[in-house]
Amino acid sequence: MKILELNTGLFPDAQTVIAALRRMEAAHRVESIDVRRRDIEDEAWDRVIDAILDSDLTITL
């Protein structure tokens, strides 16, 4: 399973979820994208959209 982690900085207990995702990396493909920066350019957002469409599960933190 391909899991996408989008780090928005809005989830209060993100560290717990991140730790669980790191444990899942042995059995699943986990990709992390940090979208907390305010200066993200269009090309980076295109990559985010592509990653969402390519993943089986998207987790927003």
C-alpha atoms as a PDB file:
ATOM      1  CA  MET A   1       0.000   0.000   0.000  1.00  0.00           C
ATOM      2  CA  LYS A   2       1.266   3.485  -0.789  1.00  0.00           C
ATOM      3  CA  ILE A   3       0.640   5.944   2.051  1.00  0.00           C
ATOM      4  CA  LEU A   4       1.075   9.686   1.696  1.00  0.00           C
ATOM      5  CA  GLU A   5       1.672  11.867   4.757  1.00  0.00           C
ATOM      6  CA  LEU A   6       0.913  15.551   4.232  1.00  0.00           C
ATOM      7  CA  ASN A   7       2.335  17.588   7.082  1.00  0.00           C
ATOM      8  CA  THR A   8       0.272  20.790   7.406  1.00  0.00           C
ATOM      9  CA  GLY A   9       1.196  21.575  11.001  1.00  0.00           C
ATOM     10  CA  LEU A  10      -2.496  21.602  11.979  1.00  0.00           C
ATOM     11  CA  PHE A  11      -2.800  18.241  13.752  1.00  0.00           C
ATOM     12  CA  PRO A  12      -1.953  18.552  17.471  1.00  0.00           C
ATOM     13  CA  ASP A  13      -0.679  14.984  17.959  1.00  0.00           C
ATOM     14  CA  ALA A  14       1.228  14.677  14.690  1.00  0.00           C
ATOM     15  CA  GLN A  15       4.325  13.163  16.319  1.00  0.00           C
ATOM     16  CA  THR A  16       2.371  10.083  17.413  1.00  0.00           C
ATOM     17  CA  VAL A  17       1.003   9.528  13.909  1.00  0.00           C
ATOM     18  CA  ILE A  18       4.426  10.131  12.346  1.00  0.00           C
ATOM     19  CA  ALA A  19       5.968   7.555  14.670  1.00  0.00           C
ATOM     20  CA  ALA A  20       3.295   5.012  13.673  1.00  0.00           C
ATOM     21  CA  LEU A  21       3.904   5.722   9.985  1.00  0.00           C
ATOM     22  CA  ARG A  22       7.644   5.161  10.432  1.00  0.00           C
ATOM     23  CA  ARG A  23       6.885   1.719  11.837  1.00  0.00           C
ATOM     24  CA  MET A  24       4.661   0.983   8.841  1.00  0.00           C
ATOM     25  CA  GLU A  25       7.484   1.728   6.383  1.00  0.00           C
ATOM     26  CA  ALA A  26       8.694  -1.853   6.655  1.00  0.00           C
ATOM     27  CA  ALA A  27       5.454  -3.159   5.143  1.00  0.00           C
ATOM     28  CA  HIS A  28       4.209  -0.183   3.116  1.00  0.00           C
ATOM     29  CA  ARG A  29       5.594   2.617   0.995  1.00  0.00           C
ATOM     30  CA  VAL A  30       5.279   5.838   2.985  1.00  0.00           C
ATOM     31  CA  GLU A  31       5.955   9.209   1.369  1.00  0.00           C
ATOM     32  CA  SER A  32       6.054  12.408   3.404  1.00  0.00           C
ATOM     33  CA  ILE A  33       5.505  15.895   2.068  1.00  0.00           C
ATOM     34  CA  ASP A  34       5.824  19.001   4.235  1.00  0.00           C
ATOM     35  CA  VAL A  35       3.373  21.705   3.104  1.00  0.00           C
ATOM     36  CA  ARG A  36       3.856  24.035   6.084  1.00  0.00           C
ATOM     37  CA  ARG A  37       5.942  26.559   4.160  1.00  0.00           C
ATOM     38  CA  ARG A  38       4.036  29.583   2.862  1.00  0.00           C
ATOM     39  CA  ASP A  39       6.345  30.075  -0.121  1.00  0.00           C
ATOM     40  CA  ILE A  40       5.571  26.791  -1.886  1.00  0.00           C
ATOM     41  CA  GLU A  41       5.587  27.314  -5.636  1.00  0.00           C
ATOM     42  CA  ASP A  42       3.167  25.919  -8.205  1.00  0.00           C
ATOM     43  CA  GLU A  43       5.512  23.104  -9.235  1.00  0.00           C
ATOM     44  CA  ALA A  44       5.620  21.857  -5.641  1.00  0.00           C
ATOM     45  CA  TRP A  45       1.815  21.927  -5.424  1.00  0.00           C
ATOM     46  CA  ASP A  46       1.682  19.954  -8.669  1.00  0.00           C
ATOM     47  CA  ARG A  47       3.890  17.332  -7.002  1.00  0.00           C
ATOM     48  CA  VAL A  48       1.528  17.245  -3.996  1.00  0.00           C
ATOM     49  CA  ILE A  49      -1.477  16.679  -6.268  1.00  0.00           C
ATOM     50  CA  ASP A  50       0.350  13.934  -8.181  1.00  0.00           C
ATOM     51  CA  ALA A  51       1.320  12.248  -4.901  1.00  0.00           C
ATOM     52  CA  ILE A  52      -2.287  12.370  -3.635  1.00  0.00           C
ATOM     53  CA  LEU A  53      -3.597  10.831  -6.841  1.00  0.00           C
ATOM     54  CA  ASP A  54      -0.890   8.147  -6.753  1.00  0.00           C
ATOM     55  CA  SER A  55      -1.432   7.118  -3.134  1.00  0.00           C
ATOM     56  CA  ASP A  56      -3.781   4.506  -1.719  1.00  0.00           C
ATOM     57  CA  LEU A  57      -4.170   6.408   1.546  1.00  0.00           C
ATOM     58  CA  THR A  58      -3.508  10.084   2.330  1.00  0.00           C
ATOM     59  CA  ILE A  59      -3.035  11.200   5.926  1.00  0.00           C
ATOM     60  CA  THR A  60      -3.109  14.916   6.640  1.00  0.00           C
ATOM     61  CA  LEU A  61      -1.379  16.065   9.800  1.00  0.00           C
END
